[in-house]
Every structure is written in structure tokens, then in C-alpha cells.
């Protein structure tokens, strides 16, 4: 989605560089035990600061509120519909009060 938007708006070539983060790799221990929320973004931050990548795209739920001063959140995509799942009923109307 971001790649297509950048190409459409700026007519630029966009190369996707996938970075597997510690948060992606370590799934057998509690988050707090291995470094907290930054596990999903510290590798992205390092790649940005080391000029390995120009931009990073990641879910905002994993982004820490206190960010390195050299890195800015420049854009946020529209939020997807939060009503995409109903558990325990076939429809909203069938949910118990």
C-alpha cells in the first residue's frame, strides 16, 4: 500500500527491504523479559540512522511513544476497519446485550 502510494504520488522507484526484527524472531518469552516494545522497531531505527533505508513502515501498535529525535513519524495510513471480526455471534445484532 505504501509502495504503491509513493510510486503514484512521486513517480519514484521503490525497493522493499524486509527487516526481521527481534520481536518477530523471539516468540518464546514474554515481551517485558526480552526488551519491551522496542523489539519491533529498534532494528528499523538503526537501519534509518545508518542510512541503510530511507523510510520504514510498521504497525503503530509496536512503535514506542518516545522516539529518537532524529526519526520522525511522517505519515500514518488510514486505520483499517476495526469491525472485521465478531467472536461468538454471527452478526452484531445477534450479540447479547
PDB file of N, CA and C in Angstrom:
ATOM      1  N   UNK A   1       0.825  -1.187   0.000  1.00  0.00           N
ATOM      2  CA  UNK A   1       0.000   0.000   0.000  1.00  0.00           C
ATOM      3  C   UNK A   1       0.882   1.269   0.000  1.00  0.00           C
ATOM      4  N   UNK A   2       1.882   1.281   0.852  1.00  0.00           N
ATOM      5  CA  UNK A   2       2.781   2.438   0.919  1.00  0.00           C
ATOM      6  C   UNK A   2       3.606   2.542  -0.363  1.00  0.00           C
ATOM      7  N   UNK A   3       4.130   1.419  -0.807  1.00  0.00           N
ATOM      8  CA  UNK A   3       4.914   1.401  -2.040  1.00  0.00           C
ATOM      9  C   UNK A   3       4.098   1.949  -3.204  1.00  0.00           C
ATOM     10  N   UNK A   4       2.889   1.446  -3.373  1.00  0.00           N
ATOM     11  CA  UNK A   4       2.037   1.896  -4.477  1.00  0.00           C
ATOM     12  C   UNK A   4       1.714   3.385  -4.366  1.00  0.00           C
ATOM     13  N   UNK A   5       1.477   3.862  -3.155  1.00  0.00           N
ATOM     14  CA  UNK A   5       1.191   5.279  -2.945  1.00  0.00           C
ATOM     15  C   UNK A   5       2.375   6.162  -3.283  1.00  0.00           C
ATOM     16  N   UNK A   6       3.575   5.739  -2.893  1.00  0.00           N
ATOM     17  CA  UNK A   6       4.778   6.512  -3.207  1.00  0.00           C
ATOM     18  C   UNK A   6       5.031   6.565  -4.713  1.00  0.00           C
ATOM     19  N   UNK A   7       4.864   5.442  -5.371  1.00  0.00           N
ATOM     20  CA  UNK A   7       5.069   5.402  -6.820  1.00  0.00           C
ATOM     21  C   UNK A   7       4.046   6.291  -7.530  1.00  0.00           C
ATOM     22  N   UNK A   8       2.795   6.206  -7.127  1.00  0.00           N
ATOM     23  CA  UNK A   8       1.746   7.008  -7.765  1.00  0.00           C
ATOM     24  C   UNK A   8       1.953   8.505  -7.538  1.00  0.00           C
ATOM     25  N   UNK A   9       2.343   8.867  -6.334  1.00  0.00           N
ATOM     26  CA  UNK A   9       2.465  10.286  -5.995  1.00  0.00           C
ATOM     27  C   UNK A   9       3.761  10.917  -6.491  1.00  0.00           C
ATOM     28  N   UNK A  10       4.839  10.144  -6.523  1.00  0.00           N
ATOM     29  CA  UNK A  10       6.151  10.739  -6.800  1.00  0.00           C
ATOM     30  C   UNK A  10       6.884  10.157  -8.002  1.00  0.00           C
ATOM     31  N   UNK A  11       6.291   9.141  -8.645  1.00  0.00           N
ATOM     32  CA  UNK A  11       6.922   8.516  -9.809  1.00  0.00           C
ATOM     33  C   UNK A  11       8.365   8.129  -9.511  1.00  0.00           C
ATOM     34  N   UNK A  12       8.553   7.438  -8.396  1.00  0.00           N
ATOM     35  CA  UNK A  12       9.889   7.005  -7.986  1.00  0.00           C
ATOM     36  C   UNK A  12       9.963   5.487  -7.992  1.00  0.00           C
ATOM     37  N   UNK A  13      11.178   4.978  -8.044  1.00  0.00           N
ATOM     38  CA  UNK A  13      11.385   3.541  -7.910  1.00  0.00           C
ATOM     39  C   UNK A  13      11.423   3.225  -6.420  1.00  0.00           C
ATOM     40  N   UNK A  14      10.729   2.194  -6.015  1.00  0.00           N
ATOM     41  CA  UNK A  14      10.683   1.813  -4.605  1.00  0.00           C
ATOM     42  C   UNK A  14      11.129   0.364  -4.469  1.00  0.00           C
ATOM     43  N   UNK A  15      12.152   0.160  -3.674  1.00  0.00           N
ATOM     44  CA  UNK A  15      12.636  -1.190  -3.395  1.00  0.00           C
ATOM     45  C   UNK A  15      12.252  -1.533  -1.960  1.00  0.00           C
ATOM     46  N   UNK A  16      11.636  -2.686  -1.784  1.00  0.00           N
ATOM     47  CA  UNK A  16      11.249  -3.124  -0.439  1.00  0.00           C
ATOM     48  C   UNK A  16      12.376  -3.966   0.145  1.00  0.00           C
ATOM     49  N   UNK A  17      12.806  -3.582   1.334  1.00  0.00           N
ATOM     50  CA  UNK A  17      13.866  -4.291   2.063  1.00  0.00           C
ATOM     51  C   UNK A  17      13.239  -4.807   3.359  1.00  0.00           C
ATOM     52  N   UNK A  18      13.007  -6.097   3.447  1.00  0.00           N
ATOM     53  CA  UNK A  18      12.371  -6.682   4.626  1.00  0.00           C
ATOM     54  C   UNK A  18      13.400  -6.829   5.738  1.00  0.00           C
ATOM     55  N   UNK A  19      13.053  -6.334   6.918  1.00  0.00           N
ATOM     56  CA  UNK A  19      13.924  -6.459   8.082  1.00  0.00           C
ATOM     57  C   UNK A  19      13.183  -7.300   9.126  1.00  0.00           C
ATOM     58  N   UNK A  20      13.732  -8.465   9.445  1.00  0.00           N
ATOM     59  CA  UNK A  20      13.168  -9.309  10.506  1.00  0.00           C
ATOM     60  C   UNK A  20      13.678  -8.770  11.835  1.00  0.00           C
ATOM     61  N   UNK A  21      12.761  -8.353  12.686  1.00  0.00           N
ATOM     62  CA  UNK A  21      13.159  -7.759  13.959  1.00  0.00           C
ATOM     63  C   UNK A  21      13.227  -8.809  15.063  1.00  0.00           C
ATOM     64  N   UNK A  22      13.856  -8.445  16.158  1.00  0.00           N
ATOM     65  CA  UNK A  22      13.933  -9.340  17.306  1.00  0.00           C
ATOM     66  C   UNK A  22      12.539  -9.726  17.769  1.00  0.00           C
ATOM     67  N   UNK A  23      11.610  -8.794  17.732  1.00  0.00           N
ATOM     68  CA  UNK A  23      10.235  -9.085  18.121  1.00  0.00           C
ATOM     69  C   UNK A  23       9.597 -10.144  17.237  1.00  0.00           C
ATOM     70  N   UNK A  24       9.986 -10.177  15.964  1.00  0.00           N
ATOM     71  CA  UNK A  24       9.492 -11.201  15.049  1.00  0.00           C
ATOM     72  C   UNK A  24      10.140 -12.557  15.331  1.00  0.00           C
ATOM     73  N   UNK A  25      11.411 -12.533  15.684  1.00  0.00           N
ATOM     74  CA  UNK A  25      12.189 -13.763  15.829  1.00  0.00           C
ATOM     75  C   UNK A  25      11.967 -14.465  17.170  1.00  0.00           C
ATOM     76  N   UNK A  26      11.894 -13.701  18.260  1.00  0.00           N
ATOM     77  CA  UNK A  26      11.783 -14.296  19.595  1.00  0.00           C
ATOM     78  C   UNK A  26      10.314 -14.352  19.989  1.00  0.00           C
ATOM     79  N   UNK A  27       9.753 -15.534  19.983  1.00  0.00           N
ATOM     80  CA  UNK A  27       8.332 -15.705  20.274  1.00  0.00           C
ATOM     81  C   UNK A  27       8.087 -16.584  21.501  1.00  0.00           C
ATOM     82  N   UNK A  28       9.172 -17.044  22.150  1.00  0.00           N
ATOM     83  CA  UNK A  28       9.015 -17.999  23.241  1.00  0.00           C
ATOM     84  C   UNK A  28       9.173 -17.394  24.636  1.00  0.00           C
ATOM     85  N   UNK A  29       9.313 -16.075  24.721  1.00  0.00           N
ATOM     86  CA  UNK A  29       9.480 -15.415  26.017  1.00  0.00           C
ATOM     87  C   UNK A  29       8.608 -14.174  26.093  1.00  0.00           C
ATOM     88  N   UNK A  30       8.234 -13.765  27.301  1.00  0.00           N
ATOM     89  CA  UNK A  30       7.425 -12.550  27.451  1.00  0.00           C
ATOM     90  C   UNK A  30       8.170 -11.319  26.928  1.00  0.00           C
ATOM     91  N   UNK A  31       7.424 -10.419  26.343  1.00  0.00           N
ATOM     92  CA  UNK A  31       7.968  -9.181  25.785  1.00  0.00           C
ATOM     93  C   UNK A  31       8.798  -8.402  26.807  1.00  0.00           C
ATOM     94  N   UNK A  32       8.276  -8.233  28.007  1.00  0.00           N
ATOM     95  CA  UNK A  32       8.984  -7.457  29.039  1.00  0.00           C
ATOM     96  C   UNK A  32      10.327  -8.087  29.398  1.00  0.00           C
ATOM     97  N   UNK A  33      10.422  -9.387  29.284  1.00  0.00           N
ATOM     98  CA  UNK A  33      11.640 -10.108  29.649  1.00  0.00           C
ATOM     99  C   UNK A  33      12.773  -9.901  28.644  1.00  0.00           C
ATOM    100  N   UNK A  34      12.437  -9.616  27.405  1.00  0.00           N
ATOM    101  CA  UNK A  34      13.469  -9.531  26.370  1.00  0.00           C
ATOM    102  C   UNK A  34      13.670  -8.138  25.785  1.00  0.00           C
ATOM    103  N   UNK A  35      13.026  -7.114  26.342  1.00  0.00           N
ATOM    104  CA  UNK A  35      13.333  -5.767  25.888  1.00  0.00           C
ATOM    105  C   UNK A  35      12.166  -4.859  25.600  1.00  0.00           C
ATOM    106  N   UNK A  36      10.952  -5.321  25.757  1.00  0.00           N
ATOM    107  CA  UNK A  36       9.796  -4.455  25.587  1.00  0.00           C
ATOM    108  C   UNK A  36       9.448  -4.174  24.139  1.00  0.00           C
ATOM    109  N   UNK A  37       8.604  -3.165  23.972  1.00  0.00           N
ATOM    110  CA  UNK A  37       8.045  -2.822  22.661  1.00  0.00           C
ATOM    111  C   UNK A  37       9.100  -2.499  21.602  1.00  0.00           C
ATOM    112  N   UNK A  38      10.224  -1.987  22.017  1.00  0.00           N
ATOM    113  CA  UNK A  38      11.270  -1.589  21.064  1.00  0.00           C
ATOM    114  C   UNK A  38      11.803  -2.756  20.248  1.00  0.00           C
ATOM    115  N   UNK A  39      11.499  -3.972  20.670  1.00  0.00           N
ATOM    116  CA  UNK A  39      11.974  -5.145  19.921  1.00  0.00           C
ATOM    117  C   UNK A  39      11.473  -5.155  18.487  1.00  0.00           C
ATOM    118  N   UNK A  40      10.358  -4.491  18.228  1.00  0.00           N
ATOM    119  CA  UNK A  40       9.818  -4.482  16.870  1.00  0.00           C
ATOM    120  C   UNK A  40      10.323  -3.309  16.047  1.00  0.00           C
ATOM    121  N   UNK A  41      10.966  -2.353  16.674  1.00  0.00           N
ATOM    122  CA  UNK A  41      11.375  -1.176  15.902  1.00  0.00           C
ATOM    123  C   UNK A  41      12.856  -0.813  16.025  1.00  0.00           C
ATOM    124  N   UNK A  42      13.582  -1.352  16.977  1.00  0.00           N
ATOM    125  CA  UNK A  42      14.978  -0.918  17.149  1.00  0.00           C
ATOM    126  C   UNK A  42      15.831  -1.205  15.919  1.00  0.00           C
ATOM    127  N   UNK A  43      15.583  -2.337  15.245  1.00  0.00           N
ATOM    128  CA  UNK A  43      16.345  -2.630  14.032  1.00  0.00           C
ATOM    129  C   UNK A  43      15.973  -1.665  12.903  1.00  0.00           C
ATOM    130  N   UNK A  44      14.703  -1.280  12.844  1.00  0.00           N
ATOM    131  CA  UNK A  44      14.276  -0.296  11.843  1.00  0.00           C
ATOM    132  C   UNK A  44      14.929   1.055  12.127  1.00  0.00           C
ATOM    133  N   UNK A  45      14.935   1.459  13.401  1.00  0.00           N
ATOM    134  CA  UNK A  45      15.567   2.726  13.782  1.00  0.00           C
ATOM    135  C   UNK A  45      17.045   2.724  13.416  1.00  0.00           C
ATOM    136  N   UNK A  46      17.737   1.624  13.704  1.00  0.00           N
ATOM    137  CA  UNK A  46      19.161   1.538  13.383  1.00  0.00           C
ATOM    138  C   UNK A  46      19.381   1.638  11.870  1.00  0.00           C
ATOM    139  N   UNK A  47      18.553   0.940  11.091  1.00  0.00           N
ATOM    140  CA  UNK A  47      18.691   0.988   9.631  1.00  0.00           C
ATOM    141  C   UNK A  47      18.450   2.399   9.101  1.00  0.00           C
ATOM    142  N   UNK A  48      17.495   3.113   9.667  1.00  0.00           N
ATOM    143  CA  UNK A  48      17.251   4.508   9.265  1.00  0.00           C
ATOM    144  C   UNK A  48      18.433   5.395   9.627  1.00  0.00           C
ATOM    145  N   UNK A  49      18.906   5.282  10.853  1.00  0.00           N
ATOM    146  CA  UNK A  49      20.008   6.134  11.321  1.00  0.00           C
ATOM    147  C   UNK A  49      21.323   5.831  10.607  1.00  0.00           C
ATOM    148  N   UNK A  50      21.500   4.582  10.169  1.00  0.00           N
ATOM    149  CA  UNK A  50      22.714   4.196   9.438  1.00  0.00           C
ATOM    150  C   UNK A  50      22.570   4.394   7.923  1.00  0.00           C
ATOM    151  N   UNK A  51      21.483   5.043   7.494  1.00  0.00           N
ATOM    152  CA  UNK A  51      21.212   5.304   6.077  1.00  0.00           C
ATOM    153  C   UNK A  51      21.156   4.033   5.221  1.00  0.00           C
ATOM    154  N   UNK A  52      20.765   2.911   5.831  1.00  0.00           N
ATOM    155  CA  UNK A  52      20.568   1.676   5.072  1.00  0.00           C
ATOM    156  C   UNK A  52      19.215   1.696   4.354  1.00  0.00           C
ATOM    157  N   UNK A  53      18.252   2.415   4.930  1.00  0.00           N
ATOM    158  CA  UNK A  53      16.925   2.573   4.336  1.00  0.00           C
ATOM    159  C   UNK A  53      16.533   4.041   4.421  1.00  0.00           C
ATOM    160  N   UNK A  54      15.625   4.460   3.547  1.00  0.00           N
ATOM    161  CA  UNK A  54      15.162   5.848   3.545  1.00  0.00           C
ATOM    162  C   UNK A  54      13.924   6.045   4.407  1.00  0.00           C
ATOM    163  N   UNK A  55      13.042   5.050   4.417  1.00  0.00           N
ATOM    164  CA  UNK A  55      11.841   5.104   5.247  1.00  0.00           C
ATOM    165  C   UNK A  55      11.583   3.712   5.806  1.00  0.00           C
ATOM    166  N   UNK A  56      10.793   3.662   6.863  1.00  0.00           N
ATOM    167  CA  UNK A  56      10.374   2.381   7.435  1.00  0.00           C
ATOM    168  C   UNK A  56       8.862   2.412   7.590  1.00  0.00           C
ATOM    169  N   UNK A  57       8.243   1.265   7.389  1.00  0.00           N
ATOM    170  CA  UNK A  57       6.798   1.140   7.548  1.00  0.00           C
ATOM    171  C   UNK A  57       6.556   0.056   8.587  1.00  0.00           C
ATOM    172  N   UNK A  58       5.785   0.390   9.607  1.00  0.00           N
ATOM    173  CA  UNK A  58       5.499  -0.585  10.655  1.00  0.00           C
ATOM    174  C   UNK A  58       4.183  -0.247  11.324  1.00  0.00           C
ATOM    175  N   UNK A  59       3.589  -1.223  11.950  1.00  0.00           N
ATOM    176  CA  UNK A  59       2.336  -1.025  12.675  1.00  0.00           C
ATOM    177  C   UNK A  59       2.554  -0.069  13.852  1.00  0.00           C
ATOM    178  N   UNK A  60       1.691   0.923  13.986  1.00  0.00           N
ATOM    179  CA  UNK A  60       1.829   1.897  15.077  1.00  0.00           C
ATOM    180  C   UNK A  60       1.682   1.264  16.460  1.00  0.00           C
ATOM    181  N   UNK A  61       1.020   0.113  16.540  1.00  0.00           N
ATOM    182  CA  UNK A  61       0.841  -0.523  17.846  1.00  0.00           C
ATOM    183  C   UNK A  61       2.177  -0.945  18.446  1.00  0.00           C
ATOM    184  N   UNK A  62       3.193  -1.100  17.619  1.00  0.00           N
ATOM    185  CA  UNK A  62       4.508  -1.518  18.091  1.00  0.00           C
ATOM    186  C   UNK A  62       5.508  -0.378  18.227  1.00  0.00           C
ATOM    187  N   UNK A  63       5.115   0.831  17.886  1.00  0.00           N
ATOM    188  CA  UNK A  63       6.035   1.969  17.920  1.00  0.00           C
ATOM    189  C   UNK A  63       5.993   2.618  19.297  1.00  0.00           C
ATOM    190  N   UNK A  64       7.167   2.768  19.880  1.00  0.00           N
ATOM    191  CA  UNK A  64       7.249   3.402  21.197  1.00  0.00           C
ATOM    192  C   UNK A  64       6.866   4.880  21.108  1.00  0.00           C
ATOM    193  N   UNK A  65       6.287   5.398  22.184  1.00  0.00           N
ATOM    194  CA  UNK A  65       5.864   6.799  22.184  1.00  0.00           C
ATOM    195  C   UNK A  65       7.050   7.755  22.250  1.00  0.00           C
ATOM    196  N   UNK A  66       8.127   7.343  22.876  1.00  0.00           N
ATOM    197  CA  UNK A  66       9.337   8.177  22.920  1.00  0.00           C
ATOM    198  C   UNK A  66      10.260   7.665  21.827  1.00  0.00           C
ATOM    199  N   UNK A  67      10.500   8.527  20.830  1.00  0.00           N
ATOM    200  CA  UNK A  67      11.261   8.165  19.640  1.00  0.00           C
ATOM    201  C   UNK A  67      12.607   8.880  19.626  1.00  0.00           C
ATOM    202  N   UNK A  68      13.601   8.318  18.933  1.00  0.00           N
ATOM    203  CA  UNK A  68      14.856   9.046  18.754  1.00  0.00           C
ATOM    204  C   UNK A  68      14.563  10.387  18.079  1.00  0.00           C
ATOM    205  N   UNK A  69      15.214  11.435  18.490  1.00  0.00           N
ATOM    206  CA  UNK A  69      14.926  12.771  17.955  1.00  0.00           C
ATOM    207  C   UNK A  69      15.221  12.878  16.465  1.00  0.00           C
ATOM    208  N   UNK A  70      16.114  12.027  15.950  1.00  0.00           N
ATOM    209  CA  UNK A  70      16.473  12.076  14.529  1.00  0.00           C
ATOM    210  C   UNK A  70      15.427  11.410  13.638  1.00  0.00           C
ATOM    211  N   UNK A  71      14.470  10.716  14.237  1.00  0.00           N
ATOM    212  CA  UNK A  71      13.464   9.977  13.471  1.00  0.00           C
ATOM    213  C   UNK A  71      12.089  10.571  13.742  1.00  0.00           C
ATOM    214  N   UNK A  72      11.362  10.844  12.666  1.00  0.00           N
ATOM    215  CA  UNK A  72      10.012  11.393  12.813  1.00  0.00           C
ATOM    216  C   UNK A  72       8.989  10.443  12.211  1.00  0.00           C
ATOM    217  N   UNK A  73       7.790  10.482  12.756  1.00  0.00           N
ATOM    218  CA  UNK A  73       6.673   9.776  12.158  1.00  0.00           C
ATOM    219  C   UNK A  73       6.084  10.753  11.149  1.00  0.00           C
ATOM    220  N   UNK A  74       6.348  10.495   9.871  1.00  0.00           N
ATOM    221  CA  UNK A  74       5.998  11.459   8.824  1.00  0.00           C
ATOM    222  C   UNK A  74       4.606  11.257   8.248  1.00  0.00           C
ATOM    223  N   UNK A  75       4.060  10.060   8.401  1.00  0.00           N
ATOM    224  CA  UNK A  75       2.736   9.788   7.848  1.00  0.00           C
ATOM    225  C   UNK A  75       2.125   8.586   8.554  1.00  0.00           C
ATOM    226  N   UNK A  76       0.813   8.564   8.580  1.00  0.00           N
ATOM    227  CA  UNK A  76       0.081   7.442   9.147  1.00  0.00           C
ATOM    228  C   UNK A  76      -1.022   7.082   8.159  1.00  0.00           C
ATOM    229  N   UNK A  77      -1.100   5.811   7.808  1.00  0.00           N
ATOM    230  CA  UNK A  77      -2.136   5.343   6.890  1.00  0.00           C
ATOM    231  C   UNK A  77      -3.498   5.354   7.583  1.00  0.00           C
ATOM    232  N   UNK A  78      -4.559   5.413   6.801  1.00  0.00           N
ATOM    233  CA  UNK A  78      -5.892   5.322   7.412  1.00  0.00           C
ATOM    234  C   UNK A  78      -6.028   3.996   8.147  1.00  0.00           C
ATOM    235  N   UNK A  79      -6.709   4.034   9.271  1.00  0.00           N
ATOM    236  CA  UNK A  79      -6.895   2.824  10.058  1.00  0.00           C
ATOM    237  C   UNK A  79      -7.859   1.881   9.342  1.00  0.00           C
ATOM    238  N   UNK A  80      -7.544   0.610   9.377  1.00  0.00           N
ATOM    239  CA  UNK A  80      -8.439  -0.392   8.799  1.00  0.00           C
ATOM    240  C   UNK A  80      -9.685  -0.505   9.672  1.00  0.00           C
ATOM    241  N   UNK A  81     -10.728  -1.043   9.101  1.00  0.00           N
ATOM    242  CA  UNK A  81     -11.986  -1.222   9.819  1.00  0.00           C
ATOM    243  C   UNK A  81     -11.759  -2.121  11.033  1.00  0.00           C
ATOM    244  N   UNK A  82     -12.044  -1.610  12.214  1.00  0.00           N
ATOM    245  CA  UNK A  82     -11.837  -2.374  13.449  1.00  0.00           C
ATOM    246  C   UNK A  82     -12.943  -3.391  13.670  1.00  0.00           C
ATOM    247  N   UNK A  83     -13.970  -3.347  12.837  1.00  0.00           N
ATOM    248  CA  UNK A  83     -15.093  -4.266  12.996  1.00  0.00           C
ATOM    249  C   UNK A  83     -14.938  -5.507  12.121  1.00  0.00           C
ATOM    250  N   UNK A  84     -13.722  -5.910  11.837  1.00  0.00           N
ATOM    251  CA  UNK A  84     -13.531  -7.009  10.906  1.00  0.00           C
ATOM    252  C   UNK A  84     -13.747  -8.388  11.511  1.00  0.00           C
ATOM    253  N   UNK A  85     -13.933  -8.496  12.808  1.00  0.00           N
ATOM    254  CA  UNK A  85     -14.148  -9.792  13.442  1.00  0.00           C
ATOM    255  C   UNK A  85     -15.244  -9.688  14.502  1.00  0.00           C
ATOM    256  N   UNK A  86     -16.105 -10.678  14.505  1.00  0.00           N
ATOM    257  CA  UNK A  86     -17.085 -10.839  15.580  1.00  0.00           C
ATOM    258  C   UNK A  86     -16.875 -12.245  16.114  1.00  0.00           C
ATOM    259  N   UNK A  87     -16.628 -12.336  17.387  1.00  0.00           N
ATOM    260  CA  UNK A  87     -16.402 -13.633  18.024  1.00  0.00           C
ATOM    261  C   UNK A  87     -17.626 -13.979  18.852  1.00  0.00           C
ATOM    262  N   UNK A  88     -18.201 -15.140  18.620  1.00  0.00           N
ATOM    263  CA  UNK A  88     -19.296 -15.615  19.456  1.00  0.00           C
ATOM    264  C   UNK A  88     -20.681 -15.306  18.940  1.00  0.00           C
ATOM    265  N   UNK A  89     -20.800 -14.672  17.760  1.00  0.00           N
ATOM    266  CA  UNK A  89     -22.120 -14.381  17.195  1.00  0.00           C
ATOM    267  C   UNK A  89     -21.950 -14.217  15.683  1.00  0.00           C
ATOM    268  N   UNK A  90     -23.042 -14.465  14.968  1.00  0.00           N
ATOM    269  CA  UNK A  90     -23.000 -14.353  13.506  1.00  0.00           C
ATOM    270  C   UNK A  90     -23.061 -12.907  13.021  1.00  0.00           C
ATOM    271  N   UNK A  91     -23.567 -11.997  13.867  1.00  0.00           N
ATOM    272  CA  UNK A  91     -23.676 -10.588  13.486  1.00  0.00           C
ATOM    273  C   UNK A  91     -23.730  -9.731  14.742  1.00  0.00           C
ATOM    274  N   UNK A  92     -23.597  -8.422  14.578  1.00  0.00           N
ATOM    275  CA  UNK A  92     -23.702  -7.503  15.716  1.00  0.00           C
ATOM    276  C   UNK A  92     -25.081  -7.602  16.342  1.00  0.00           C
ATOM    277  N   UNK A  93     -26.092  -7.715  15.522  1.00  0.00           N
ATOM    278  CA  UNK A  93     -27.466  -7.803  16.027  1.00  0.00           C
ATOM    279  C   UNK A  93     -27.669  -9.023  16.923  1.00  0.00           C
ATOM    280  N   UNK A  94     -26.932 -10.085  16.691  1.00  0.00           N
ATOM    281  CA  UNK A  94     -27.088 -11.298  17.483  1.00  0.00           C
ATOM    282  C   UNK A  94     -26.258 -11.321  18.765  1.00  0.00           C
ATOM    283  N   UNK A  95     -25.441 -10.300  18.997  1.00  0.00           N
ATOM    284  CA  UNK A  95     -24.673 -10.240  20.240  1.00  0.00           C
ATOM    285  C   UNK A  95     -25.616 -10.016  21.433  1.00  0.00           C
ATOM    286  N   UNK A  96     -25.380 -10.722  22.526  1.00  0.00           N
ATOM    287  CA  UNK A  96     -26.224 -10.491  23.708  1.00  0.00           C
ATOM    288  C   UNK A  96     -25.961  -9.096  24.280  1.00  0.00           C
ATOM    289  N   UNK A  97     -26.973  -8.518  24.880  1.00  0.00           N
ATOM    290  CA  UNK A  97     -26.818  -7.194  25.483  1.00  0.00           C
ATOM    291  C   UNK A  97     -25.794  -7.246  26.598  1.00  0.00           C
TER     292      UNK A  97
END
